[in-house]
Amino acid sequence: MSNALSRLLDLFPKTPEFIATVQSADHPNYKVLVVDGTGLVLCTSSTRFNVGDRVYISGNEIKRSAPTGVVYQIEV
C-alpha cells in the first residue's frame, strides 16, 4: 500500500504552468508574454499558433491553448 501523500503529490505537475499570450510567431519558435507581466519567454511548439493566441506554457514549451477571459490573481 502506498503513502496517500506521495500519491497526491504525484498528481501535481512537476513544473508550473503559466498562461501567456503569443507575441511573435515563427513556427516552431514563438515569443510569448506571460500574463502576470514577468516578461517574454522564447518557447517551442509542434502546434501552430497565431499572434494574440492565449496558451499554457511550461518550461520553454507551449502545452496547449488557454481559454480566453480575465485572469485574476489572488494571494493565499
C-alpha atoms as a PDB file:
ATOM      1  CA  MET A   1       0.000   0.000   0.000  1.00  0.00           C
ATOM      2  CA  SER A   2       1.445   3.385  -0.994  1.00  0.00           C
ATOM      3  CA  ASN A   3       1.503   6.572   1.013  1.00  0.00           C
ATOM      4  CA  ALA A   4      -1.528   8.810   0.367  1.00  0.00           C
ATOM      5  CA  LEU A   5       0.612  11.961   0.453  1.00  0.00           C
ATOM      6  CA  SER A   6       3.025  10.677  -2.189  1.00  0.00           C
ATOM      7  CA  ARG A   7       0.100   9.697  -4.428  1.00  0.00           C
ATOM      8  CA  LEU A   8      -1.353  13.203  -4.027  1.00  0.00           C
ATOM      9  CA  LEU A   9       1.988  14.848  -4.848  1.00  0.00           C
ATOM     10  CA  ASP A  10       2.290  12.688  -7.980  1.00  0.00           C
ATOM     11  CA  LEU A  11      -0.897  14.333  -9.309  1.00  0.00           C
ATOM     12  CA  PHE A  12       0.685  17.809  -9.351  1.00  0.00           C
ATOM     13  CA  PRO A  13       2.720  18.898 -12.386  1.00  0.00           C
ATOM     14  CA  LYS A  14       6.487  18.802 -11.887  1.00  0.00           C
ATOM     15  CA  THR A  15       6.947  22.263 -13.449  1.00  0.00           C
ATOM     16  CA  PRO A  16       4.480  25.147 -13.089  1.00  0.00           C
ATOM     17  CA  GLU A  17       2.198  26.119 -15.972  1.00  0.00           C
ATOM     18  CA  PHE A  18       1.577  29.753 -16.862  1.00  0.00           C
ATOM     19  CA  ILE A  19      -0.920  31.457 -19.156  1.00  0.00           C
ATOM     20  CA  ALA A  20       0.749  33.569 -21.833  1.00  0.00           C
ATOM     21  CA  THR A  21      -0.107  35.489 -24.999  1.00  0.00           C
ATOM     22  CA  VAL A  22       1.766  34.786 -28.248  1.00  0.00           C
ATOM     23  CA  GLN A  23       3.643  37.955 -29.276  1.00  0.00           C
ATOM     24  CA  SER A  24       5.722  36.613 -32.176  1.00  0.00           C
ATOM     25  CA  ALA A  25       5.003  33.516 -34.258  1.00  0.00           C
ATOM     26  CA  ASP A  26       7.713  31.915 -36.399  1.00  0.00           C
ATOM     27  CA  HIS A  27       6.683  28.235 -36.249  1.00  0.00           C
ATOM     28  CA  PRO A  28       8.074  26.249 -34.369  1.00  0.00           C
ATOM     29  CA  ASN A  29       9.599  29.156 -32.371  1.00  0.00           C
ATOM     30  CA  TYR A  30       7.318  31.546 -30.508  1.00  0.00           C
ATOM     31  CA  LYS A  31       7.809  34.527 -28.200  1.00  0.00           C
ATOM     32  CA  VAL A  32       5.118  34.650 -25.553  1.00  0.00           C
ATOM     33  CA  LEU A  33       4.327  37.265 -22.904  1.00  0.00           C
ATOM     34  CA  VAL A  34       3.368  35.748 -19.558  1.00  0.00           C
ATOM     35  CA  VAL A  35       0.065  37.172 -18.297  1.00  0.00           C
ATOM     36  CA  ASP A  36       1.358  38.170 -14.857  1.00  0.00           C
ATOM     37  CA  GLY A  37       3.833  40.523 -16.549  1.00  0.00           C
ATOM     38  CA  THR A  38       7.057  38.652 -15.830  1.00  0.00           C
ATOM     39  CA  GLY A  39       8.243  39.150 -19.395  1.00  0.00           C
ATOM     40  CA  LEU A  40       8.844  37.487 -22.739  1.00  0.00           C
ATOM     41  CA  VAL A  41       9.700  33.795 -22.940  1.00  0.00           C
ATOM     42  CA  LEU A  42      11.033  32.001 -26.026  1.00  0.00           C
ATOM     43  CA  CYS A  43       9.020  28.788 -26.461  1.00  0.00           C
ATOM     44  CA  THR A  44       8.630  25.993 -28.981  1.00  0.00           C
ATOM     45  CA  SER A  45       5.588  24.013 -30.062  1.00  0.00           C
ATOM     46  CA  SER A  46       4.693  21.373 -32.611  1.00  0.00           C
ATOM     47  CA  THR A  47       1.256  23.006 -32.975  1.00  0.00           C
ATOM     48  CA  ARG A  48       0.869  26.217 -34.971  1.00  0.00           C
ATOM     49  CA  PHE A  49      -0.398  29.286 -33.073  1.00  0.00           C
ATOM     50  CA  ASN A  50      -1.166  32.826 -34.236  1.00  0.00           C
ATOM     51  CA  VAL A  51      -0.126  36.151 -32.729  1.00  0.00           C
ATOM     52  CA  GLY A  52      -2.579  37.055 -29.960  1.00  0.00           C
ATOM     53  CA  ASP A  53      -3.488  33.456 -29.055  1.00  0.00           C
ATOM     54  CA  ARG A  54      -3.505  32.602 -25.353  1.00  0.00           C
ATOM     55  CA  VAL A  55      -1.577  29.464 -24.454  1.00  0.00           C
ATOM     56  CA  TYR A  56      -0.389  27.445 -21.475  1.00  0.00           C
ATOM     57  CA  ILE A  57       3.399  27.262 -21.187  1.00  0.00           C
ATOM     58  CA  SER A  58       5.561  25.037 -19.024  1.00  0.00           C
ATOM     59  CA  GLY A  59       9.303  25.476 -19.114  1.00  0.00           C
ATOM     60  CA  ASN A  60      10.086  26.522 -22.679  1.00  0.00           C
ATOM     61  CA  GLU A  61       7.275  24.556 -24.302  1.00  0.00           C
ATOM     62  CA  ILE A  62       3.754  25.593 -25.263  1.00  0.00           C
ATOM     63  CA  LYS A  63       1.473  22.866 -23.912  1.00  0.00           C
ATOM     64  CA  ARG A  64      -1.974  23.784 -25.303  1.00  0.00           C
ATOM     65  CA  SER A  65      -4.404  26.634 -25.959  1.00  0.00           C
ATOM     66  CA  ALA A  66      -5.678  28.546 -22.943  1.00  0.00           C
ATOM     67  CA  PRO A  67      -9.227  29.826 -22.508  1.00  0.00           C
ATOM     68  CA  THR A  68      -9.927  33.476 -23.199  1.00  0.00           C
ATOM     69  CA  GLY A  69     -11.200  35.676 -20.414  1.00  0.00           C
ATOM     70  CA  VAL A  70      -9.981  37.669 -17.462  1.00  0.00           C
ATOM     71  CA  VAL A  71      -7.216  36.306 -15.235  1.00  0.00           C
ATOM     72  CA  TYR A  72      -7.407  37.215 -11.556  1.00  0.00           C
ATOM     73  CA  GLN A  73      -4.514  36.862  -9.166  1.00  0.00           C
ATOM     74  CA  ILE A  74      -5.282  36.030  -5.563  1.00  0.00           C
ATOM     75  CA  GLU A  75      -2.899  35.965  -2.650  1.00  0.00           C
ATOM     76  CA  VAL A  76      -3.049  32.890  -0.483  1.00  0.00           C
END
